[in-house]
Amino acid sequence: MQRDEQIEVIGHTPRFITTDMTALYHATLAGVGIAQMPKLVLPGAIESGQLTLVLPEWELRQEVIHAVYLARRELLPSVRVLLDFMAEGYAELEL
């Protein structure tokens, strides 16, 4: 976690591990514990009071998103457009 230039590392033992954001979201709503999730998957849950931000003044490490595609001499124009669209869209998101 980071706040300004201060970095804190918090050790913990997770009770629930998944790569499925929907499952994590529902487990959090069910009270399993706290979760690290992008705001993108919390449509209205914070505003409605279903979920509460924990340590809102702290930021989590930014994640890297990879696009994997078949290597060729040149990308198809449609693939290039999609990659550019995704890069622009993710840059604007508040994750």
PDB file of N, CA and C in Angstrom:
ATOM      1  N   MET A   1       0.844  -1.160   0.000  1.00  0.00           N
ATOM      2  CA  MET A   1       0.000   0.000   0.000  1.00  0.00           C
ATOM      3  C   MET A   1       0.891   1.225   0.000  1.00  0.00           C
ATOM      4  N   GLN A   2       0.388   2.293  -0.602  1.00  0.00           N
ATOM      5  CA  GLN A   2       1.187   3.499  -0.713  1.00  0.00           C
ATOM      6  C   GLN A   2       0.335   4.722  -0.428  1.00  0.00           C
ATOM      7  N   ARG A   3       0.927   5.670   0.299  1.00  0.00           N
ATOM      8  CA  ARG A   3       0.305   6.969   0.546  1.00  0.00           C
ATOM      9  C   ARG A   3       1.406   7.986   0.367  1.00  0.00           C
ATOM     10  N   ASP A   4       1.250   8.840  -0.627  1.00  0.00           N
ATOM     11  CA  ASP A   4       2.307   9.777  -0.999  1.00  0.00           C
ATOM     12  C   ASP A   4       3.578   8.976  -1.261  1.00  0.00           C
ATOM     13  N   GLU A   5       4.643   9.231  -0.518  1.00  0.00           N
ATOM     14  CA  GLU A   5       5.898   8.491  -0.710  1.00  0.00           C
ATOM     15  C   GLU A   5       6.057   7.348   0.291  1.00  0.00           C
ATOM     16  N   GLN A   6       5.111   7.201   1.195  1.00  0.00           N
ATOM     17  CA  GLN A   6       5.186   6.168   2.231  1.00  0.00           C
ATOM     18  C   GLN A   6       4.633   4.848   1.701  1.00  0.00           C
ATOM     19  N   ILE A   7       5.388   3.766   1.874  1.00  0.00           N
ATOM     20  CA  ILE A   7       4.965   2.438   1.431  1.00  0.00           C
ATOM     21  C   ILE A   7       4.885   1.521   2.646  1.00  0.00           C
ATOM     22  N   GLU A   8       3.792   0.779   2.745  1.00  0.00           N
ATOM     23  CA  GLU A   8       3.595  -0.182   3.826  1.00  0.00           C
ATOM     24  C   GLU A   8       3.314  -1.554   3.219  1.00  0.00           C
ATOM     25  N   VAL A   9       3.928  -2.578   3.769  1.00  0.00           N
ATOM     26  CA  VAL A   9       3.663  -3.950   3.355  1.00  0.00           C
ATOM     27  C   VAL A   9       2.927  -4.623   4.507  1.00  0.00           C
ATOM     28  N   ILE A  10       1.763  -5.181   4.210  1.00  0.00           N
ATOM     29  CA  ILE A  10       0.936  -5.806   5.233  1.00  0.00           C
ATOM     30  C   ILE A  10       0.835  -7.295   4.937  1.00  0.00           C
ATOM     31  N   GLY A  11       1.310  -8.104   5.845  1.00  0.00           N
ATOM     32  CA  GLY A  11       1.201  -9.553   5.685  1.00  0.00           C
ATOM     33  C   GLY A  11      -0.169 -10.032   6.139  1.00  0.00           C
ATOM     34  N   HIS A  12      -0.714 -10.993   5.450  1.00  0.00           N
ATOM     35  CA  HIS A  12      -2.019 -11.544   5.826  1.00  0.00           C
ATOM     36  C   HIS A  12      -2.161 -12.956   5.274  1.00  0.00           C
ATOM     37  N   THR A  13      -3.096 -13.691   5.816  1.00  0.00           N
ATOM     38  CA  THR A  13      -3.423 -15.019   5.320  1.00  0.00           C
ATOM     39  C   THR A  13      -4.843 -14.967   4.777  1.00  0.00           C
ATOM     40  N   PRO A  14      -5.012 -15.037   3.458  1.00  0.00           N
ATOM     41  CA  PRO A  14      -6.352 -14.931   2.882  1.00  0.00           C
ATOM     42  C   PRO A  14      -7.252 -16.100   3.277  1.00  0.00           C
ATOM     43  N   ARG A  15      -8.530 -15.800   3.476  1.00  0.00           N
ATOM     44  CA  ARG A  15      -9.527 -16.836   3.766  1.00  0.00           C
ATOM     45  C   ARG A  15     -10.157 -17.355   2.479  1.00  0.00           C
ATOM     46  N   PHE A  16     -10.073 -16.573   1.428  1.00  0.00           N
ATOM     47  CA  PHE A  16     -10.727 -16.917   0.162  1.00  0.00           C
ATOM     48  C   PHE A  16      -9.835 -16.419  -0.961  1.00  0.00           C
ATOM     49  N   ILE A  17      -9.485 -17.286  -1.891  1.00  0.00           N
ATOM     50  CA  ILE A  17      -8.630 -16.915  -3.014  1.00  0.00           C
ATOM     51  C   ILE A  17      -9.339 -17.287  -4.301  1.00  0.00           C
ATOM     52  N   THR A  18      -9.421 -16.343  -5.223  1.00  0.00           N
ATOM     53  CA  THR A  18     -10.042 -16.597  -6.515  1.00  0.00           C
ATOM     54  C   THR A  18      -9.488 -15.628  -7.546  1.00  0.00           C
ATOM     55  N   THR A  19      -9.584 -16.001  -8.804  1.00  0.00           N
ATOM     56  CA  THR A  19      -9.243 -15.087  -9.893  1.00  0.00           C
ATOM     57  C   THR A  19     -10.508 -14.543 -10.544  1.00  0.00           C
ATOM     58  N   ASP A  20     -11.646 -14.881  -9.995  1.00  0.00           N
ATOM     59  CA  ASP A  20     -12.942 -14.463 -10.535  1.00  0.00           C
ATOM     60  C   ASP A  20     -13.440 -13.245  -9.759  1.00  0.00           C
ATOM     61  N   MET A  21     -13.412 -12.077 -10.386  1.00  0.00           N
ATOM     62  CA  MET A  21     -13.822 -10.843  -9.716  1.00  0.00           C
ATOM     63  C   MET A  21     -15.283 -10.875  -9.282  1.00  0.00           C
ATOM     64  N   THR A  22     -16.129 -11.549 -10.039  1.00  0.00           N
ATOM     65  CA  THR A  22     -17.539 -11.640  -9.659  1.00  0.00           C
ATOM     66  C   THR A  22     -17.690 -12.447  -8.373  1.00  0.00           C
ATOM     67  N   ALA A  23     -16.973 -13.557  -8.276  1.00  0.00           N
ATOM     68  CA  ALA A  23     -17.021 -14.373  -7.058  1.00  0.00           C
ATOM     69  C   ALA A  23     -16.465 -13.595  -5.869  1.00  0.00           C
ATOM     70  N   LEU A  24     -15.388 -12.857  -6.086  1.00  0.00           N
ATOM     71  CA  LEU A  24     -14.796 -12.052  -5.020  1.00  0.00           C
ATOM     72  C   LEU A  24     -15.763 -10.965  -4.563  1.00  0.00           C
ATOM     73  N   TYR A  25     -16.414 -10.327  -5.515  1.00  0.00           N
ATOM     74  CA  TYR A  25     -17.399  -9.285  -5.218  1.00  0.00           C
ATOM     75  C   TYR A  25     -18.531  -9.849  -4.357  1.00  0.00           C
ATOM     76  N   HIS A  26     -19.080 -10.982  -4.760  1.00  0.00           N
ATOM     77  CA  HIS A  26     -20.195 -11.579  -4.015  1.00  0.00           C
ATOM     78  C   HIS A  26     -19.752 -12.100  -2.644  1.00  0.00           C
ATOM     79  N   ALA A  27     -18.541 -12.624  -2.561  1.00  0.00           N
ATOM     80  CA  ALA A  27     -18.026 -13.074  -1.263  1.00  0.00           C
ATOM     81  C   ALA A  27     -17.865 -11.886  -0.316  1.00  0.00           C
ATOM     82  N   THR A  28     -17.408 -10.771  -0.850  1.00  0.00           N
ATOM     83  CA  THR A  28     -17.258  -9.572  -0.028  1.00  0.00           C
ATOM     84  C   THR A  28     -18.618  -9.071   0.441  1.00  0.00           C
ATOM     85  N   LEU A  29     -19.595  -9.063  -0.460  1.00  0.00           N
ATOM     86  CA  LEU A  29     -20.956  -8.664  -0.081  1.00  0.00           C
ATOM     87  C   LEU A  29     -21.531  -9.590   0.987  1.00  0.00           C
ATOM     88  N   ALA A  30     -21.137 -10.860   0.952  1.00  0.00           N
ATOM     89  CA  ALA A  30     -21.639 -11.842   1.919  1.00  0.00           C
ATOM     90  C   ALA A  30     -20.914 -11.757   3.263  1.00  0.00           C
ATOM     91  N   GLY A  31     -19.886 -10.896   3.341  1.00  0.00           N
ATOM     92  CA  GLY A  31     -19.202 -10.706   4.609  1.00  0.00           C
ATOM     93  C   GLY A  31     -18.029 -11.622   4.859  1.00  0.00           C
ATOM     94  N   VAL A  32     -17.488 -12.238   3.808  1.00  0.00           N
ATOM     95  CA  VAL A  32     -16.338 -13.132   3.975  1.00  0.00           C
ATOM     96  C   VAL A  32     -15.124 -12.361   4.498  1.00  0.00           C
ATOM     97  N   GLY A  33     -14.991 -11.109   4.101  1.00  0.00           N
ATOM     98  CA  GLY A  33     -13.859 -10.295   4.551  1.00  0.00           C
ATOM     99  C   GLY A  33     -13.714  -9.071   3.684  1.00  0.00           C
ATOM    100  N   ILE A  34     -12.521  -8.483   3.698  1.00  0.00           N
ATOM    101  CA  ILE A  34     -12.255  -7.339   2.840  1.00  0.00           C
ATOM    102  C   ILE A  34     -11.573  -7.838   1.574  1.00  0.00           C
ATOM    103  N   ALA A  35     -11.629  -7.037   0.515  1.00  0.00           N
ATOM    104  CA  ALA A  35     -11.072  -7.468  -0.763  1.00  0.00           C
ATOM    105  C   ALA A  35     -10.429  -6.301  -1.483  1.00  0.00           C
ATOM    106  N   GLN A  36      -9.450  -6.613  -2.297  1.00  0.00           N
ATOM    107  CA  GLN A  36      -8.841  -5.638  -3.191  1.00  0.00           C
ATOM    108  C   GLN A  36      -9.495  -5.820  -4.548  1.00  0.00           C
ATOM    109  N   MET A  37     -10.276  -4.832  -4.961  1.00  0.00           N
ATOM    110  CA  MET A  37     -10.977  -4.910  -6.238  1.00  0.00           C
ATOM    111  C   MET A  37     -10.917  -3.564  -6.938  1.00  0.00           C
ATOM    112  N   PRO A  38     -10.862  -3.576  -8.264  1.00  0.00           N
ATOM    113  CA  PRO A  38     -10.956  -2.308  -8.984  1.00  0.00           C
ATOM    114  C   PRO A  38     -12.356  -1.723  -8.827  1.00  0.00           C
ATOM    115  N   LYS A  39     -12.426  -0.410  -8.773  1.00  0.00           N
ATOM    116  CA  LYS A  39     -13.730   0.248  -8.634  1.00  0.00           C
ATOM    117  C   LYS A  39     -14.652  -0.090  -9.801  1.00  0.00           C
ATOM    118  N   LEU A  40     -14.073  -0.507 -10.900  1.00  0.00           N
ATOM    119  CA  LEU A  40     -14.836  -0.886 -12.086  1.00  0.00           C
ATOM    120  C   LEU A  40     -15.832  -2.006 -11.800  1.00  0.00           C
ATOM    121  N   VAL A  41     -15.516  -2.896 -10.867  1.00  0.00           N
ATOM    122  CA  VAL A  41     -16.411  -4.019 -10.562  1.00  0.00           C
ATOM    123  C   VAL A  41     -17.324  -3.736  -9.374  1.00  0.00           C
ATOM    124  N   LEU A  42     -17.348  -2.501  -8.926  1.00  0.00           N
ATOM    125  CA  LEU A  42     -18.182  -2.124  -7.784  1.00  0.00           C
ATOM    126  C   LEU A  42     -19.283  -1.155  -8.206  1.00  0.00           C
ATOM    127  N   PRO A  43     -20.102  -1.524  -9.159  1.00  0.00           N
ATOM    128  CA  PRO A  43     -21.095  -0.576  -9.684  1.00  0.00           C
ATOM    129  C   PRO A  43     -22.136  -0.195  -8.630  1.00  0.00           C
ATOM    130  N   GLY A  44     -21.905   0.928  -7.982  1.00  0.00           N
ATOM    131  CA  GLY A  44     -22.872   1.445  -7.023  1.00  0.00           C
ATOM    132  C   GLY A  44     -22.812   0.847  -5.634  1.00  0.00           C
ATOM    133  N   ALA A  45     -21.983  -0.159  -5.390  1.00  0.00           N
ATOM    134  CA  ALA A  45     -21.956  -0.827  -4.081  1.00  0.00           C
ATOM    135  C   ALA A  45     -21.437   0.091  -2.982  1.00  0.00           C
ATOM    136  N   ILE A  46     -20.515   0.964  -3.312  1.00  0.00           N
ATOM    137  CA  ILE A  46     -19.987   1.897  -2.316  1.00  0.00           C
ATOM    138  C   ILE A  46     -21.004   3.008  -2.062  1.00  0.00           C
ATOM    139  N   GLU A  47     -21.550   3.561  -3.150  1.00  0.00           N
ATOM    140  CA  GLU A  47     -22.521   4.644  -3.018  1.00  0.00           C
ATOM    141  C   GLU A  47     -23.778   4.204  -2.276  1.00  0.00           C
ATOM    142  N   SER A  48     -24.200   2.963  -2.473  1.00  0.00           N
ATOM    143  CA  SER A  48     -25.420   2.465  -1.833  1.00  0.00           C
ATOM    144  C   SER A  48     -25.188   2.039  -0.383  1.00  0.00           C
ATOM    145  N   GLY A  49     -23.922   1.955   0.028  1.00  0.00           N
ATOM    146  CA  GLY A  49     -23.619   1.555   1.393  1.00  0.00           C
ATOM    147  C   GLY A  49     -23.460   0.055   1.577  1.00  0.00           C
ATOM    148  N   GLN A  50     -23.576  -0.719   0.492  1.00  0.00           N
ATOM    149  CA  GLN A  50     -23.370  -2.170   0.601  1.00  0.00           C
ATOM    150  C   GLN A  50     -21.931  -2.492   0.990  1.00  0.00           C
ATOM    151  N   LEU A  51     -21.001  -1.733   0.431  1.00  0.00           N
ATOM    152  CA  LEU A  51     -19.581  -1.906   0.742  1.00  0.00           C
ATOM    153  C   LEU A  51     -19.004  -0.573   1.205  1.00  0.00           C
ATOM    154  N   THR A  52     -17.956  -0.643   2.005  1.00  0.00           N
ATOM    155  CA  THR A  52     -17.289   0.544   2.530  1.00  0.00           C
ATOM    156  C   THR A  52     -15.819   0.484   2.153  1.00  0.00           C
ATOM    157  N   LEU A  53     -15.272   1.617   1.733  1.00  0.00           N
ATOM    158  CA  LEU A  53     -13.842   1.671   1.445  1.00  0.00           C
ATOM    159  C   LEU A  53     -13.063   1.552   2.748  1.00  0.00           C
ATOM    160  N   VAL A  54     -12.028   0.740   2.728  1.00  0.00           N
ATOM    161  CA  VAL A  54     -11.143   0.578   3.879  1.00  0.00           C
ATOM    162  C   VAL A  54      -9.839   1.300   3.541  1.00  0.00           C
ATOM    163  N   LEU A  55      -9.390   2.159   4.419  1.00  0.00           N
ATOM    164  CA  LEU A  55      -8.161   2.937   4.205  1.00  0.00           C
ATOM    165  C   LEU A  55      -8.189   3.692   2.870  1.00  0.00           C
ATOM    166  N   PRO A  56      -9.192   4.548   2.648  1.00  0.00           N
ATOM    167  CA  PRO A  56      -9.324   5.220   1.354  1.00  0.00           C
ATOM    168  C   PRO A  56      -8.169   6.154   1.009  1.00  0.00           C
ATOM    169  N   GLU A  57      -7.401   6.584   2.011  1.00  0.00           N
ATOM    170  CA  GLU A  57      -6.287   7.492   1.734  1.00  0.00           C
ATOM    171  C   GLU A  57      -5.058   6.749   1.204  1.00  0.00           C
ATOM    172  N   TRP A  58      -5.107   5.427   1.212  1.00  0.00           N
ATOM    173  CA  TRP A  58      -4.003   4.605   0.721  1.00  0.00           C
ATOM    174  C   TRP A  58      -4.339   4.078  -0.669  1.00  0.00           C
ATOM    175  N   GLU A  59      -3.305   3.915  -1.486  1.00  0.00           N
ATOM    176  CA  GLU A  59      -3.470   3.364  -2.828  1.00  0.00           C
ATOM    177  C   GLU A  59      -2.784   2.011  -2.893  1.00  0.00           C
ATOM    178  N   LEU A  60      -3.354   1.132  -3.687  1.00  0.00           N
ATOM    179  CA  LEU A  60      -2.737  -0.170  -3.906  1.00  0.00           C
ATOM    180  C   LEU A  60      -1.844  -0.112  -5.132  1.00  0.00           C
ATOM    181  N   ARG A  61      -0.961  -1.050  -5.211  1.00  0.00           N
ATOM    182  CA  ARG A  61      -0.049  -1.139  -6.345  1.00  0.00           C
ATOM    183  C   ARG A  61      -0.850  -1.242  -7.643  1.00  0.00           C
ATOM    184  N   GLN A  62      -0.420  -0.510  -8.646  1.00  0.00           N
ATOM    185  CA  GLN A  62      -1.073  -0.585  -9.948  1.00  0.00           C
ATOM    186  C   GLN A  62      -0.734  -1.916 -10.608  1.00  0.00           C
ATOM    187  N   GLU A  63      -1.714  -2.534 -11.192  1.00  0.00           N
ATOM    188  CA  GLU A  63      -1.528  -3.822 -11.851  1.00  0.00           C
ATOM    189  C   GLU A  63      -1.207  -3.620 -13.332  1.00  0.00           C
ATOM    190  N   VAL A  64      -0.623  -4.625 -13.917  1.00  0.00           N
ATOM    191  CA  VAL A  64      -0.291  -4.612 -15.333  1.00  0.00           C
ATOM    192  C   VAL A  64      -1.298  -5.487 -16.066  1.00  0.00           C
ATOM    193  N   ILE A  65      -1.776  -5.002 -17.187  1.00  0.00           N
ATOM    194  CA  ILE A  65      -2.705  -5.770 -18.011  1.00  0.00           C
ATOM    195  C   ILE A  65      -1.975  -6.154 -19.291  1.00  0.00           C
ATOM    196  N   HIS A  66      -2.028  -7.421 -19.646  1.00  0.00           N
ATOM    197  CA  HIS A  66      -1.346  -7.908 -20.843  1.00  0.00           C
ATOM    198  C   HIS A  66      -2.361  -8.272 -21.916  1.00  0.00           C
ATOM    199  N   ALA A  67      -2.051  -7.934 -23.155  1.00  0.00           N
ATOM    200  CA  ALA A  67      -2.820  -8.403 -24.307  1.00  0.00           C
ATOM    201  C   ALA A  67      -1.909  -9.381 -25.051  1.00  0.00           C
ATOM    202  N   VAL A  68      -2.367 -10.591 -25.246  1.00  0.00           N
ATOM    203  CA  VAL A  68      -1.558 -11.620 -25.887  1.00  0.00           C
ATOM    204  C   VAL A  68      -2.154 -11.916 -27.256  1.00  0.00           C
ATOM    205  N   TYR A  69      -1.312 -11.903 -28.263  1.00  0.00           N
ATOM    206  CA  TYR A  69      -1.781 -12.159 -29.615  1.00  0.00           C
ATOM    207  C   TYR A  69      -0.696 -12.892 -30.388  1.00  0.00           C
ATOM    208  N   LEU A  70      -1.092 -13.521 -31.473  1.00  0.00           N
ATOM    209  CA  LEU A  70      -0.182 -14.288 -32.310  1.00  0.00           C
ATOM    210  C   LEU A  70       0.816 -13.353 -32.990  1.00  0.00           C
ATOM    211  N   ALA A  71       2.096 -13.655 -32.854  1.00  0.00           N
ATOM    212  CA  ALA A  71       3.131 -12.816 -33.459  1.00  0.00           C
ATOM    213  C   ALA A  71       3.135 -13.012 -34.972  1.00  0.00           C
ATOM    214  N   ARG A  72       3.090 -11.923 -35.664  1.00  0.00           N
ATOM    215  CA  ARG A  72       3.175 -11.924 -37.127  1.00  0.00           C
ATOM    216  C   ARG A  72       4.084 -10.780 -37.536  1.00  0.00           C
ATOM    217  N   ARG A  73       4.354 -10.718 -38.806  1.00  0.00           N
ATOM    218  CA  ARG A  73       5.154  -9.587 -39.283  1.00  0.00           C
ATOM    219  C   ARG A  73       4.482  -8.274 -38.915  1.00  0.00           C
ATOM    220  N   GLU A  74       3.211  -8.174 -39.269  1.00  0.00           N
ATOM    221  CA  GLU A  74       2.447  -6.974 -38.945  1.00  0.00           C
ATOM    222  C   GLU A  74       1.095  -7.397 -38.406  1.00  0.00           C
ATOM    223  N   LEU A  75       0.595  -6.638 -37.472  1.00  0.00           N
ATOM    224  CA  LEU A  75      -0.730  -6.916 -36.932  1.00  0.00           C
ATOM    225  C   LEU A  75      -1.793  -6.544 -37.951  1.00  0.00           C
ATOM    226  N   LEU A  76      -2.878  -7.283 -37.923  1.00  0.00           N
ATOM    227  CA  LEU A  76      -4.024  -6.881 -38.726  1.00  0.00           C
ATOM    228  C   LEU A  76      -4.482  -5.515 -38.238  1.00  0.00           C
ATOM    229  N   PRO A  77      -4.940  -4.653 -39.133  1.00  0.00           N
ATOM    230  CA  PRO A  77      -5.399  -3.324 -38.706  1.00  0.00           C
ATOM    231  C   PRO A  77      -6.473  -3.389 -37.617  1.00  0.00           C
ATOM    232  N   SER A  78      -7.367  -4.369 -37.699  1.00  0.00           N
ATOM    233  CA  SER A  78      -8.427  -4.477 -36.693  1.00  0.00           C
ATOM    234  C   SER A  78      -7.856  -4.802 -35.311  1.00  0.00           C
ATOM    235  N   VAL A  79      -6.798  -5.629 -35.268  1.00  0.00           N
ATOM    236  CA  VAL A  79      -6.166  -5.970 -33.992  1.00  0.00           C
ATOM    237  C   VAL A  79      -5.451  -4.744 -33.430  1.00  0.00           C
ATOM    238  N   ARG A  80      -4.774  -3.997 -34.286  1.00  0.00           N
ATOM    239  CA  ARG A  80      -4.081  -2.778 -33.851  1.00  0.00           C
ATOM    240  C   ARG A  80      -5.078  -1.776 -33.282  1.00  0.00           C
ATOM    241  N   VAL A  81      -6.230  -1.618 -33.948  1.00  0.00           N
ATOM    242  CA  VAL A  81      -7.264  -0.693 -33.471  1.00  0.00           C
ATOM    243  C   VAL A  81      -7.783  -1.147 -32.105  1.00  0.00           C
ATOM    244  N   LEU A  82      -8.026  -2.448 -31.946  1.00  0.00           N
ATOM    245  CA  LEU A  82      -8.509  -2.971 -30.667  1.00  0.00           C
ATOM    246  C   LEU A  82      -7.488  -2.734 -29.560  1.00  0.00           C
ATOM    247  N   LEU A  83      -6.217  -3.027 -29.809  1.00  0.00           N
ATOM    248  CA  LEU A  83      -5.179  -2.818 -28.800  1.00  0.00           C
ATOM    249  C   LEU A  83      -5.064  -1.345 -28.415  1.00  0.00           C
ATOM    250  N   ASP A  84      -5.115  -0.466 -29.399  1.00  0.00           N
ATOM    251  CA  ASP A  84      -5.056   0.971 -29.114  1.00  0.00           C
ATOM    252  C   ASP A  84      -6.266   1.417 -28.298  1.00  0.00           C
ATOM    253  N   PHE A  85      -7.442   0.905 -28.654  1.00  0.00           N
ATOM    254  CA  PHE A  85      -8.674   1.231 -27.930  1.00  0.00           C
ATOM    255  C   PHE A  85      -8.584   0.770 -26.479  1.00  0.00           C
ATOM    256  N   MET A  86      -8.108  -0.450 -26.280  1.00  0.00           N
ATOM    257  CA  MET A  86      -7.985  -0.987 -24.922  1.00  0.00           C
ATOM    258  C   MET A  86      -6.968  -0.188 -24.107  1.00  0.00           C
ATOM    259  N   ALA A  87      -5.837   0.137 -24.698  1.00  0.00           N
ATOM    260  CA  ALA A  87      -4.807   0.902 -23.986  1.00  0.00           C
ATOM    261  C   ALA A  87      -5.339   2.266 -23.572  1.00  0.00           C
ATOM    262  N   GLU A  88      -6.043   2.919 -24.458  1.00  0.00           N
ATOM    263  CA  GLU A  88      -6.615   4.235 -24.147  1.00  0.00           C
ATOM    264  C   GLU A  88      -7.693   4.125 -23.073  1.00  0.00           C
ATOM    265  N   GLY A  89      -8.562   3.134 -23.214  1.00  0.00           N
ATOM    266  CA  GLY A  89      -9.651   2.960 -22.256  1.00  0.00           C
ATOM    267  C   GLY A  89      -9.164   2.626 -20.863  1.00  0.00           C
ATOM    268  N   TYR A  90      -8.195   1.717 -20.748  1.00  0.00           N
ATOM    269  CA  TYR A  90      -7.686   1.339 -19.435  1.00  0.00           C
ATOM    270  C   TYR A  90      -6.897   2.478 -18.791  1.00  0.00           C
ATOM    271  N   ALA A  91      -6.244   3.302 -19.603  1.00  0.00           N
ATOM    272  CA  ALA A  91      -5.498   4.432 -19.049  1.00  0.00           C
ATOM    273  C   ALA A  91      -6.436   5.427 -18.374  1.00  0.00           C
ATOM    274  N   GLU A  92      -7.679   5.509 -18.849  1.00  0.00           N
ATOM    275  CA  GLU A  92      -8.646   6.458 -18.299  1.00  0.00           C
ATOM    276  C   GLU A  92      -9.385   5.918 -17.079  1.00  0.00           C
ATOM    277  N   LEU A  93      -9.342   4.610 -16.865  1.00  0.00           N
ATOM    278  CA  LEU A  93     -10.087   4.012 -15.755  1.00  0.00           C
ATOM    279  C   LEU A  93      -9.439   4.303 -14.418  1.00  0.00           C
ATOM    280  N   GLU A  94     -10.268   4.420 -13.406  1.00  0.00           N
ATOM    281  CA  GLU A  94      -9.782   4.544 -12.040  1.00  0.00           C
ATOM    282  C   GLU A  94      -9.830   3.153 -11.433  1.00  0.00           C
ATOM    283  N   LEU A  95      -8.722   2.429 -11.556  1.00  0.00           N
ATOM    284  CA  LEU A  95      -8.669   1.056 -11.065  1.00  0.00           C
ATOM    285  C   LEU A  95      -8.194   1.063  -9.647  1.00  0.00           C
TER     286      LEU A  95
END
